[in-house]
Amino acid sequence: MSYSNIIVTTENRITTIKINREKSLNALNEKTIDELYDCIESISKSEDIKVVVITGVGNKSFIAGADITMFEGKSPASIRTIILKLQDTLNKLEDLTIPVIASINGFCLGGGLELAMACDLRIASEKAIVGQPEIKLGLIPGAGGTQRLTRLVGAGRAKEMIFFGNNVDAESAKSYGLINWVASPEELEEETLKIASRLAKGPSFALNMAKEAINRGPEISLLDAIRMEAELFALCFSHEDVKEGVDAFLNKRKPNFS
């Protein structure tokens, strides 16, 4: 599938997806959602990609939200179909076994924040603005915002952000636990690449196991979760990266993971 609303590049086993609707502040419309779904599906089948980075074209906006025009004139049933496709896309993104980084270069609102929260890590420009402003339109978040935001920042902070729909600056979002790192606008791309490169050089199998444990643990009891962790820990020993990591440690050298 050829893409017009996203730009996809791969270098050094790092795939970068750029939302390419700069005139619309990279808002998500149906075509963009379809292209993202197809791209993520393709990435999920690749054995060559080790890290994914998602960002927006330009320096004003990561994703300014869902394009509200795609809901105009549609019935609630039709709108439900659209929002379920967006949910499916973000769920598929979250379920990728490899690390995914959101590089937030500006406005990250509504569906944009929902997409960022489906990523594993988030780095933001100092000028980035995040929020779930749907309440100001008489709506609520519809693509996981009420759930992922609560899991990241707690129910009290999530209710504050969603009930009032106020935007939050990057440093405040970092203090909430919503953003991992903040960088200057000029250094955002470079800092994102540093993080992605470090992950790409890491032990992919162990990273996959860690992501599985962290993502699935909250869905089950603590006892079941730590037993799952033990199973995944043991499974790591089936991979050659453990041998390489131990040998590198004992010989005081940097590991060269496969």
Protein backbone atom coordinates (compact mmCIF):
# COMPACT_ATOMS: atom_id res chain seq x y z
CA MET A 1 0.00 0.00 0.00
CA SER A 2 1.34 3.42 -0.95
CA TYR A 3 0.82 6.20 1.57
CA SER A 4 -0.08 9.84 1.16
CA ASN A 5 -0.97 10.88 4.70
CA ILE A 6 2.01 9.27 6.40
CA ILE A 7 5.71 9.15 5.53
CA VAL A 8 7.53 5.94 6.46
CA THR A 9 11.33 5.56 6.47
CA THR A 10 13.65 2.93 7.89
CA GLU A 11 17.32 3.41 8.76
CA ASN A 12 19.55 1.33 11.03
CA ARG A 13 16.54 -0.86 11.86
CA ILE A 14 14.61 2.13 13.20
CA THR A 15 11.34 2.87 11.39
CA THR A 16 10.02 6.42 11.58
CA ILE A 17 6.36 7.18 10.83
CA LYS A 18 5.53 10.84 10.22
CA ILE A 19 1.92 12.00 10.08
CA ASN A 20 1.85 14.08 6.91
CA ARG A 21 -1.10 16.48 7.16
CA GLU A 22 0.75 19.63 8.16
CA LYS A 23 -1.95 22.04 6.91
CA SER A 24 -4.44 20.27 9.22
CA LEU A 25 -1.93 20.17 12.11
CA ASN A 26 -1.58 16.44 11.37
CA ALA A 27 -5.11 15.70 12.57
CA LEU A 28 -6.23 12.10 12.09
CA ASN A 29 -8.83 11.51 9.38
CA GLU A 30 -10.16 8.20 8.09
CA LYS A 31 -7.50 7.84 5.39
CA THR A 32 -4.72 8.51 7.87
CA ILE A 33 -6.14 5.96 10.29
CA ASP A 34 -6.34 3.37 7.49
CA GLU A 35 -2.75 4.06 6.44
CA LEU A 36 -1.50 3.84 10.02
CA TYR A 37 -3.30 0.54 10.53
CA ASP A 38 -1.77 -0.91 7.36
CA CYS A 39 1.70 0.36 8.25
CA ILE A 40 1.58 -1.01 11.80
CA GLU A 41 0.33 -4.36 10.47
CA SER A 42 3.32 -4.47 8.11
CA ILE A 43 5.75 -3.60 10.90
CA SER A 44 4.29 -6.34 13.11
CA LYS A 45 5.29 -8.92 10.47
CA SER A 46 8.85 -7.65 10.01
CA GLU A 47 11.85 -9.23 11.69
CA ASP A 48 14.20 -6.45 10.62
CA ILE A 49 12.70 -3.50 12.51
CA LYS A 50 13.82 -3.07 16.13
CA VAL A 51 12.31 0.30 17.10
CA VAL A 52 9.47 2.51 15.84
CA VAL A 53 9.33 6.30 16.16
CA ILE A 54 6.12 8.25 15.50
CA THR A 55 6.09 12.01 14.97
CA GLY A 56 4.38 14.70 12.93
CA VAL A 57 5.54 16.68 9.90
CA GLY A 58 6.49 20.28 10.64
CA ASN A 59 7.28 21.95 13.94
CA LYS A 60 3.80 22.97 15.10
CA SER A 61 1.99 19.72 15.71
CA PHE A 62 2.51 16.07 16.56
CA ILE A 63 -1.18 15.26 16.08
CA ALA A 64 -3.73 17.93 16.94
CA GLY A 65 -6.46 15.35 17.46
CA ALA A 66 -9.02 13.58 15.34
CA ASP A 67 -10.18 15.60 12.33
CA ILE A 68 -13.64 16.57 13.54
CA THR A 69 -14.85 17.02 9.96
CA MET A 70 -14.86 13.25 9.46
CA PHE A 71 -17.78 13.02 11.90
CA GLU A 72 -19.94 15.67 10.25
CA GLY A 73 -23.28 14.41 8.95
CA LYS A 74 -22.66 10.86 10.13
CA SER A 75 -24.95 8.79 12.32
CA PRO A 76 -23.85 7.63 15.78
CA ALA A 77 -23.52 4.11 14.33
CA SER A 78 -21.18 5.32 11.58
CA ILE A 79 -19.14 7.35 14.07
CA ARG A 80 -18.85 4.27 16.28
CA THR A 81 -17.37 2.36 13.34
CA ILE A 82 -14.76 5.07 12.78
CA ILE A 83 -13.75 5.32 16.44
CA LEU A 84 -13.52 1.53 16.76
CA LYS A 85 -11.12 1.49 13.78
CA LEU A 86 -9.00 4.12 15.52
CA GLN A 87 -9.10 2.06 18.71
CA ASP A 88 -8.05 -1.04 16.79
CA THR A 89 -5.17 0.90 15.23
CA LEU A 90 -3.88 2.16 18.58
CA ASN A 91 -4.31 -1.28 20.16
CA LYS A 92 -2.26 -2.77 17.34
CA LEU A 93 0.38 -0.11 17.90
CA GLU A 94 0.50 -0.86 21.63
CA ASP A 95 0.71 -4.59 20.93
CA LEU A 96 3.84 -4.32 18.75
CA THR A 97 6.50 -6.44 20.44
CA ILE A 98 9.20 -3.84 19.75
CA PRO A 99 9.61 -0.48 21.54
CA VAL A 100 7.62 2.45 20.14
CA ILE A 101 8.56 6.08 20.84
CA ALA A 102 6.30 9.10 20.38
CA SER A 103 8.39 12.15 19.47
CA ILE A 104 5.99 14.97 20.31
CA ASN A 105 6.95 18.04 18.32
CA GLY A 106 4.00 20.34 19.08
CA PHE A 107 0.27 20.04 19.70
CA CYS A 108 -0.62 16.59 21.04
CA LEU A 109 -4.33 16.76 21.70
CA GLY A 110 -7.30 14.40 21.79
CA GLY A 111 -6.62 11.51 19.46
CA GLY A 112 -3.00 12.65 19.22
CA LEU A 113 -2.48 12.15 22.95
CA GLU A 114 -4.36 8.87 22.75
CA LEU A 115 -1.91 7.71 20.07
CA ALA A 116 1.08 8.93 22.08
CA MET A 117 -0.17 7.03 25.13
CA ALA A 118 -0.35 3.83 23.06
CA CYS A 119 3.42 4.19 22.55
CA ASP A 120 5.88 2.85 25.10
CA LEU A 121 7.89 6.04 25.61
CA ARG A 122 7.25 9.73 25.00
CA ILE A 123 9.74 12.52 24.41
CA ALA A 124 8.39 16.02 23.89
CA SER A 125 9.58 19.39 22.70
CA GLU A 126 9.64 22.11 25.34
CA LYS A 127 6.97 23.81 23.25
CA ALA A 128 4.70 20.76 23.12
CA ILE A 129 1.15 21.04 24.44
CA VAL A 130 -0.81 17.94 25.48
CA GLY A 131 -4.40 17.44 26.52
CA GLN A 132 -7.77 15.75 26.13
CA PRO A 133 -10.01 18.73 25.20
CA GLU A 134 -12.99 16.70 23.97
CA ILE A 135 -15.22 17.88 26.84
CA LYS A 136 -15.19 21.38 25.32
CA LEU A 137 -17.05 19.92 22.33
CA GLY A 138 -19.52 18.08 24.53
CA LEU A 139 -17.62 14.83 23.99
CA ILE A 140 -15.36 12.45 25.87
CA PRO A 141 -12.16 10.79 24.63
CA GLY A 142 -13.07 7.85 22.43
CA ALA A 143 -9.84 6.10 21.46
CA GLY A 144 -8.61 4.97 24.86
CA GLY A 145 -8.04 8.34 26.52
CA THR A 146 -10.15 7.67 29.60
CA GLN A 147 -8.33 4.38 30.18
CA ARG A 148 -4.69 4.90 29.18
CA LEU A 149 -4.51 8.35 30.75
CA THR A 150 -5.83 6.95 34.04
CA ARG A 151 -3.27 4.16 33.99
CA LEU A 152 -0.43 6.61 33.34
CA VAL A 153 -1.25 9.49 35.69
CA GLY A 154 -3.87 8.13 38.10
CA ALA A 155 -7.62 8.65 38.29
CA GLY A 156 -7.51 12.04 40.01
CA ARG A 157 -5.19 13.68 37.49
CA ALA A 158 -6.98 12.01 34.57
CA LYS A 159 -10.34 13.35 35.76
CA GLU A 160 -8.86 16.82 36.12
CA MET A 161 -7.49 16.78 32.57
CA ILE A 162 -10.61 15.25 31.01
CA PHE A 163 -13.31 17.07 33.03
CA PHE A 164 -11.83 20.51 32.35
CA GLY A 165 -10.22 19.78 28.98
CA ASN A 166 -7.32 22.08 29.82
CA ASN A 167 -4.06 21.82 27.90
CA VAL A 168 -0.84 20.97 29.74
CA ASP A 169 2.71 22.08 28.87
CA ALA A 170 5.52 19.58 28.41
CA GLU A 171 7.20 20.09 31.78
CA SER A 172 3.89 19.69 33.63
CA ALA A 173 3.12 16.55 31.62
CA LYS A 174 6.53 15.19 32.61
CA SER A 175 5.80 15.88 36.27
CA TYR A 176 2.53 13.95 35.87
CA GLY A 177 4.40 10.93 34.51
CA LEU A 178 2.82 11.39 31.09
CA ILE A 179 6.07 12.39 29.33
CA ASN A 180 9.42 10.66 29.86
CA TRP A 181 11.78 13.34 28.54
CA VAL A 182 11.61 16.97 27.44
CA ALA A 183 14.02 18.42 24.87
CA SER A 184 14.47 21.74 23.14
CA PRO A 185 12.69 21.98 19.77
CA GLU A 186 16.07 22.13 18.03
CA GLU A 187 17.33 18.98 19.74
CA LEU A 188 14.14 16.90 19.77
CA GLU A 189 14.93 14.87 16.64
CA GLU A 190 18.52 14.23 17.74
CA GLU A 191 17.50 13.23 21.26
CA THR A 192 14.78 10.94 19.89
CA LEU A 193 17.31 9.24 17.63
CA LYS A 194 19.68 8.73 20.57
CA ILE A 195 16.96 6.97 22.55
CA ALA A 196 15.86 4.89 19.55
CA SER A 197 19.45 3.92 18.70
CA ARG A 198 20.15 2.82 22.25
CA LEU A 199 17.08 0.58 22.16
CA ALA A 200 17.97 -0.74 18.70
CA LYS A 201 21.37 -1.84 20.03
CA GLY A 202 19.82 -3.52 23.05
CA PRO A 203 18.72 -7.15 23.49
CA SER A 204 15.53 -7.22 21.43
CA PHE A 205 14.22 -10.47 22.86
CA ALA A 206 14.56 -9.27 26.46
CA LEU A 207 13.00 -5.92 25.55
CA ASN A 208 10.07 -7.79 24.03
CA MET A 209 9.68 -9.89 27.18
CA ALA A 210 9.86 -6.81 29.41
CA LYS A 211 7.20 -5.04 27.34
CA GLU A 212 4.95 -8.08 27.50
CA ALA A 213 5.27 -8.30 31.29
CA ILE A 214 4.67 -4.59 31.86
CA ASN A 215 1.72 -4.33 29.48
CA ARG A 216 -0.07 -7.51 30.54
CA GLY A 217 0.62 -7.45 34.26
CA PRO A 218 -2.08 -4.92 35.23
CA GLU A 219 -4.72 -7.03 33.49
CA ILE A 220 -4.27 -9.95 35.90
CA SER A 221 -3.74 -10.52 39.63
CA LEU A 222 -0.39 -9.70 41.21
CA LEU A 223 0.31 -13.38 41.88
CA ASP A 224 -0.43 -14.33 38.26
CA ALA A 225 1.58 -11.36 37.03
CA ILE A 226 4.75 -12.24 38.93
CA ARG A 227 4.40 -15.86 37.84
CA MET A 228 4.14 -14.61 34.24
CA GLU A 229 7.29 -12.58 34.89
CA ALA A 230 9.10 -15.74 36.06
CA GLU A 231 8.07 -17.57 32.89
CA LEU A 232 9.30 -14.71 30.68
CA PHE A 233 12.51 -14.44 32.71
CA ALA A 234 13.21 -18.13 32.14
CA LEU A 235 12.33 -17.81 28.47
CA CYS A 236 15.09 -15.22 28.06
CA PHE A 237 17.61 -18.01 28.69
CA SER A 238 16.50 -19.66 25.45
CA HIS A 239 17.98 -16.75 23.51
CA GLU A 240 21.63 -16.28 22.62
CA ASP A 241 21.56 -12.69 23.87
CA VAL A 242 21.85 -13.97 27.45
CA LYS A 243 25.06 -15.81 26.67
CA GLU A 244 26.44 -12.70 24.96
CA GLY A 245 25.36 -10.42 27.81
CA VAL A 246 26.89 -12.61 30.52
CA ASP A 247 30.13 -13.08 28.58
CA ALA A 248 30.42 -9.33 27.98
CA PHE A 249 29.82 -8.64 31.67
CA LEU A 250 32.42 -11.16 32.83
CA ASN A 251 34.98 -9.89 30.33
CA LYS A 252 34.23 -6.23 30.99
CA ARG A 253 33.27 -5.35 27.40
CA LYS A 254 30.22 -3.95 25.70
CA PRO A 255 27.76 -6.64 24.57
CA ASN A 256 26.98 -7.08 20.90
CA PHE A 257 23.41 -8.32 20.98
CA SER A 258 21.91 -10.05 17.98
